[in-house]
Amino acid sequence: MFPGGQAQKARQMPDYQNMTATGAMRHAKDVSGLTAEEIAAAIGTSAAVIRRYLQRGDGYEPGLDRIPDLCRAMRNTVILQWIEAKLER
């Protein structure tokens, strides 16, 4: 594993530059601790839509107009951090 406190640091600093959009969405959900149903209810959509956002290889991603809603619902800015990291490439 990681020596010292690096394991904790590795969990805190995901590699957003190499992460897919689906990976960012999955990480945001994990950080939130919410279920797909809870996120869906908070943004007024179905849990099936949220699950599609989370499904690897599907290519189904939220539109730009959904990003602020998702961040608010999941109470984090993981998706925004992922976008910012992609801009820094």
N, C-alpha and C. Protein backbone atom coordinates (compact mmCIF):
# COMPACT_ATOMS: atom_id res chain seq x y z
N MET A 1 0.84 -1.19 0.00
CA MET A 1 0.00 0.00 0.00
C MET A 1 0.88 1.25 0.00
N PHE A 2 0.35 2.33 0.53
CA PHE A 2 1.08 3.59 0.56
C PHE A 2 1.77 3.77 1.91
N PRO A 3 3.01 4.24 1.89
CA PRO A 3 3.68 4.52 3.16
C PRO A 3 3.06 5.74 3.85
N GLY A 4 3.08 5.71 5.18
CA GLY A 4 2.63 6.87 5.96
C GLY A 4 1.20 7.25 5.65
N GLY A 5 0.95 8.55 5.50
CA GLY A 5 -0.40 9.06 5.26
C GLY A 5 -0.75 9.16 3.79
N GLN A 6 0.02 8.55 2.92
CA GLN A 6 -0.24 8.69 1.49
C GLN A 6 -1.54 8.00 1.06
N ALA A 7 -1.95 6.96 1.77
CA ALA A 7 -3.21 6.29 1.42
C ALA A 7 -4.37 7.27 1.57
N GLN A 8 -4.36 8.01 2.67
CA GLN A 8 -5.41 8.99 2.88
C GLN A 8 -5.32 10.10 1.84
N LYS A 9 -4.12 10.57 1.54
CA LYS A 9 -3.94 11.61 0.54
C LYS A 9 -4.42 11.13 -0.83
N ALA A 10 -4.16 9.88 -1.18
CA ALA A 10 -4.59 9.33 -2.46
C ALA A 10 -6.11 9.34 -2.57
N ARG A 11 -6.79 9.07 -1.46
CA ARG A 11 -8.26 9.11 -1.48
C ARG A 11 -8.76 10.54 -1.62
N GLN A 12 -8.01 11.50 -1.09
CA GLN A 12 -8.45 12.89 -1.11
C GLN A 12 -8.17 13.57 -2.45
N MET A 13 -7.18 13.11 -3.18
CA MET A 13 -6.77 13.77 -4.41
C MET A 13 -6.94 12.84 -5.61
N PRO A 14 -8.15 12.67 -6.11
CA PRO A 14 -8.34 11.79 -7.25
C PRO A 14 -7.66 12.37 -8.49
N ASP A 15 -7.35 11.52 -9.43
CA ASP A 15 -6.70 11.93 -10.67
C ASP A 15 -7.76 12.36 -11.67
N TYR A 16 -8.29 13.57 -11.47
CA TYR A 16 -9.37 14.07 -12.33
C TYR A 16 -8.94 14.19 -13.78
N GLN A 17 -7.68 14.52 -14.04
CA GLN A 17 -7.24 14.69 -15.43
C GLN A 17 -7.37 13.42 -16.24
N ASN A 18 -7.22 12.28 -15.62
CA ASN A 18 -7.31 11.01 -16.33
C ASN A 18 -8.63 10.28 -16.09
N MET A 19 -9.54 10.92 -15.40
CA MET A 19 -10.83 10.31 -15.07
C MET A 19 -11.83 10.59 -16.19
N THR A 20 -12.70 9.64 -16.45
CA THR A 20 -13.77 9.84 -17.43
C THR A 20 -14.91 10.64 -16.78
N ALA A 21 -15.82 11.12 -17.61
CA ALA A 21 -17.00 11.82 -17.09
C ALA A 21 -17.81 10.89 -16.19
N THR A 22 -17.94 9.64 -16.60
CA THR A 22 -18.66 8.67 -15.78
C THR A 22 -17.93 8.46 -14.46
N GLY A 23 -16.60 8.39 -14.51
CA GLY A 23 -15.82 8.23 -13.29
C GLY A 23 -16.02 9.40 -12.34
N ALA A 24 -16.07 10.61 -12.90
CA ALA A 24 -16.29 11.81 -12.07
C ALA A 24 -17.67 11.77 -11.43
N MET A 25 -18.66 11.36 -12.21
CA MET A 25 -20.02 11.28 -11.68
C MET A 25 -20.11 10.22 -10.58
N ARG A 26 -19.47 9.08 -10.79
CA ARG A 26 -19.46 8.01 -9.79
C ARG A 26 -18.75 8.47 -8.52
N HIS A 27 -17.65 9.19 -8.68
CA HIS A 27 -16.91 9.69 -7.52
C HIS A 27 -17.75 10.71 -6.76
N ALA A 28 -18.41 11.60 -7.49
CA ALA A 28 -19.27 12.60 -6.84
C ALA A 28 -20.37 11.93 -6.04
N LYS A 29 -20.96 10.88 -6.60
CA LYS A 29 -22.01 10.15 -5.88
C LYS A 29 -21.44 9.48 -4.64
N ASP A 30 -20.27 8.86 -4.77
CA ASP A 30 -19.64 8.20 -3.62
C ASP A 30 -19.35 9.20 -2.50
N VAL A 31 -18.82 10.35 -2.88
CA VAL A 31 -18.50 11.39 -1.89
C VAL A 31 -19.78 11.86 -1.20
N SER A 32 -20.87 11.95 -1.95
CA SER A 32 -22.13 12.45 -1.39
C SER A 32 -22.73 11.48 -0.37
N GLY A 33 -22.52 10.19 -0.59
CA GLY A 33 -23.15 9.20 0.27
C GLY A 33 -24.62 8.99 -0.03
N LEU A 34 -25.11 9.58 -1.10
CA LEU A 34 -26.52 9.49 -1.46
C LEU A 34 -26.77 8.33 -2.43
N THR A 35 -28.01 7.89 -2.48
CA THR A 35 -28.40 6.87 -3.44
C THR A 35 -28.81 7.55 -4.74
N ALA A 36 -28.90 6.76 -5.80
CA ALA A 36 -29.38 7.29 -7.08
C ALA A 36 -30.79 7.84 -6.91
N GLU A 37 -31.59 7.17 -6.11
CA GLU A 37 -32.96 7.63 -5.86
C GLU A 37 -32.99 9.00 -5.18
N GLU A 38 -32.13 9.20 -4.21
CA GLU A 38 -32.08 10.49 -3.49
C GLU A 38 -31.62 11.61 -4.41
N ILE A 39 -30.61 11.33 -5.22
CA ILE A 39 -30.11 12.34 -6.16
C ILE A 39 -31.20 12.68 -7.18
N ALA A 40 -31.84 11.64 -7.71
CA ALA A 40 -32.91 11.85 -8.69
C ALA A 40 -34.04 12.70 -8.12
N ALA A 41 -34.46 12.39 -6.91
CA ALA A 41 -35.54 13.16 -6.28
C ALA A 41 -35.15 14.62 -6.11
N ALA A 42 -33.89 14.87 -5.76
CA ALA A 42 -33.42 16.23 -5.53
C ALA A 42 -33.38 17.07 -6.80
N ILE A 43 -33.20 16.42 -7.96
CA ILE A 43 -33.13 17.21 -9.20
C ILE A 43 -34.36 17.01 -10.09
N GLY A 44 -35.31 16.23 -9.61
CA GLY A 44 -36.57 16.08 -10.35
C GLY A 44 -36.47 15.20 -11.58
N THR A 45 -35.74 14.12 -11.47
CA THR A 45 -35.65 13.16 -12.57
C THR A 45 -35.82 11.76 -12.00
N SER A 46 -35.67 10.77 -12.84
CA SER A 46 -35.83 9.39 -12.36
C SER A 46 -34.48 8.81 -11.93
N ALA A 47 -34.56 7.82 -11.06
CA ALA A 47 -33.35 7.11 -10.64
C ALA A 47 -32.70 6.40 -11.82
N ALA A 48 -33.50 6.00 -12.81
CA ALA A 48 -32.97 5.33 -14.01
C ALA A 48 -32.03 6.27 -14.77
N VAL A 49 -32.36 7.54 -14.82
CA VAL A 49 -31.48 8.51 -15.49
C VAL A 49 -30.16 8.63 -14.74
N ILE A 50 -30.23 8.74 -13.43
CA ILE A 50 -29.01 8.84 -12.62
C ILE A 50 -28.17 7.59 -12.80
N ARG A 51 -28.79 6.43 -12.79
CA ARG A 51 -28.04 5.18 -12.97
C ARG A 51 -27.36 5.13 -14.34
N ARG A 52 -28.00 5.69 -15.36
CA ARG A 52 -27.35 5.74 -16.68
C ARG A 52 -26.14 6.64 -16.64
N TYR A 53 -26.22 7.77 -15.92
CA TYR A 53 -25.05 8.64 -15.77
C TYR A 53 -23.89 7.87 -15.13
N LEU A 54 -24.20 6.92 -14.28
CA LEU A 54 -23.20 6.19 -13.51
C LEU A 54 -22.70 4.92 -14.19
N GLN A 55 -23.34 4.54 -15.26
CA GLN A 55 -23.01 3.26 -15.92
C GLN A 55 -21.81 3.42 -16.85
N ARG A 56 -20.78 2.63 -16.58
CA ARG A 56 -19.57 2.65 -17.41
C ARG A 56 -19.88 2.16 -18.82
N GLY A 57 -19.30 2.84 -19.81
CA GLY A 57 -19.42 2.40 -21.19
C GLY A 57 -20.72 2.79 -21.86
N ASP A 58 -21.63 3.44 -21.14
CA ASP A 58 -22.92 3.81 -21.71
C ASP A 58 -22.79 5.06 -22.58
N GLY A 59 -21.93 6.00 -22.17
CA GLY A 59 -21.78 7.25 -22.92
C GLY A 59 -22.90 8.24 -22.67
N TYR A 60 -23.79 7.93 -21.76
CA TYR A 60 -24.91 8.82 -21.44
C TYR A 60 -24.46 9.73 -20.31
N GLU A 61 -24.37 11.02 -20.61
CA GLU A 61 -23.86 11.98 -19.64
C GLU A 61 -24.85 13.13 -19.45
N PRO A 62 -24.82 13.77 -18.29
CA PRO A 62 -25.73 14.89 -18.06
C PRO A 62 -25.38 16.07 -18.96
N GLY A 63 -26.40 16.79 -19.37
CA GLY A 63 -26.20 18.02 -20.13
C GLY A 63 -25.62 19.11 -19.23
N LEU A 64 -25.06 20.12 -19.85
CA LEU A 64 -24.46 21.22 -19.08
C LEU A 64 -25.45 21.86 -18.12
N ASP A 65 -26.71 21.95 -18.51
CA ASP A 65 -27.71 22.57 -17.64
C ASP A 65 -28.01 21.75 -16.40
N ARG A 66 -27.62 20.47 -16.39
CA ARG A 66 -27.84 19.61 -15.23
C ARG A 66 -26.70 19.65 -14.21
N ILE A 67 -25.53 20.12 -14.62
CA ILE A 67 -24.35 20.09 -13.74
C ILE A 67 -24.59 20.85 -12.43
N PRO A 68 -25.08 22.09 -12.46
CA PRO A 68 -25.32 22.78 -11.17
C PRO A 68 -26.31 22.04 -10.28
N ASP A 69 -27.37 21.50 -10.88
CA ASP A 69 -28.36 20.74 -10.09
C ASP A 69 -27.72 19.52 -9.43
N LEU A 70 -26.91 18.80 -10.19
CA LEU A 70 -26.24 17.61 -9.65
C LEU A 70 -25.29 17.97 -8.52
N CYS A 71 -24.52 19.04 -8.70
CA CYS A 71 -23.60 19.47 -7.64
C CYS A 71 -24.36 19.84 -6.37
N ARG A 72 -25.45 20.58 -6.53
CA ARG A 72 -26.26 20.95 -5.36
C ARG A 72 -26.85 19.72 -4.70
N ALA A 73 -27.40 18.81 -5.50
CA ALA A 73 -28.04 17.62 -4.95
C ALA A 73 -27.04 16.75 -4.20
N MET A 74 -25.82 16.63 -4.75
CA MET A 74 -24.81 15.76 -4.13
C MET A 74 -23.96 16.52 -3.10
N ARG A 75 -24.23 17.81 -2.95
CA ARG A 75 -23.56 18.66 -1.96
C ARG A 75 -22.03 18.59 -2.07
N ASN A 76 -21.55 18.59 -3.32
CA ASN A 76 -20.10 18.66 -3.55
C ASN A 76 -19.84 19.25 -4.93
N THR A 77 -18.58 19.56 -5.18
CA THR A 77 -18.20 20.16 -6.46
C THR A 77 -17.26 19.25 -7.25
N VAL A 78 -17.37 17.97 -7.02
CA VAL A 78 -16.49 17.01 -7.71
C VAL A 78 -16.57 17.17 -9.22
N ILE A 79 -17.76 17.28 -9.77
CA ILE A 79 -17.90 17.39 -11.23
C ILE A 79 -17.23 18.67 -11.72
N LEU A 80 -17.38 19.76 -10.99
CA LEU A 80 -16.72 21.01 -11.37
C LEU A 80 -15.21 20.90 -11.28
N GLN A 81 -14.72 20.22 -10.26
CA GLN A 81 -13.28 20.00 -10.12
C GLN A 81 -12.75 19.16 -11.28
N TRP A 82 -13.52 18.18 -11.70
CA TRP A 82 -13.14 17.34 -12.83
C TRP A 82 -13.06 18.19 -14.11
N ILE A 83 -14.07 19.04 -14.33
CA ILE A 83 -14.05 19.92 -15.50
C ILE A 83 -12.84 20.83 -15.48
N GLU A 84 -12.56 21.42 -14.32
CA GLU A 84 -11.41 22.31 -14.18
C GLU A 84 -10.11 21.57 -14.48
N ALA A 85 -9.97 20.35 -13.99
CA ALA A 85 -8.76 19.56 -14.25
C ALA A 85 -8.61 19.27 -15.73
N LYS A 86 -9.71 19.03 -16.43
CA LYS A 86 -9.67 18.77 -17.87
C LYS A 86 -9.21 20.02 -18.63
N LEU A 87 -9.55 21.19 -18.11
CA LEU A 87 -9.12 22.44 -18.75
C LEU A 87 -7.63 22.69 -18.61
N GLU A 88 -7.04 22.13 -17.56
CA GLU A 88 -5.61 22.36 -17.27
C GLU A 88 -4.70 21.45 -18.08
N ARG A 89 -5.22 20.55 -18.84
CA ARG A 89 -4.39 19.62 -19.62
C ARG A 89 -3.50 20.35 -20.57
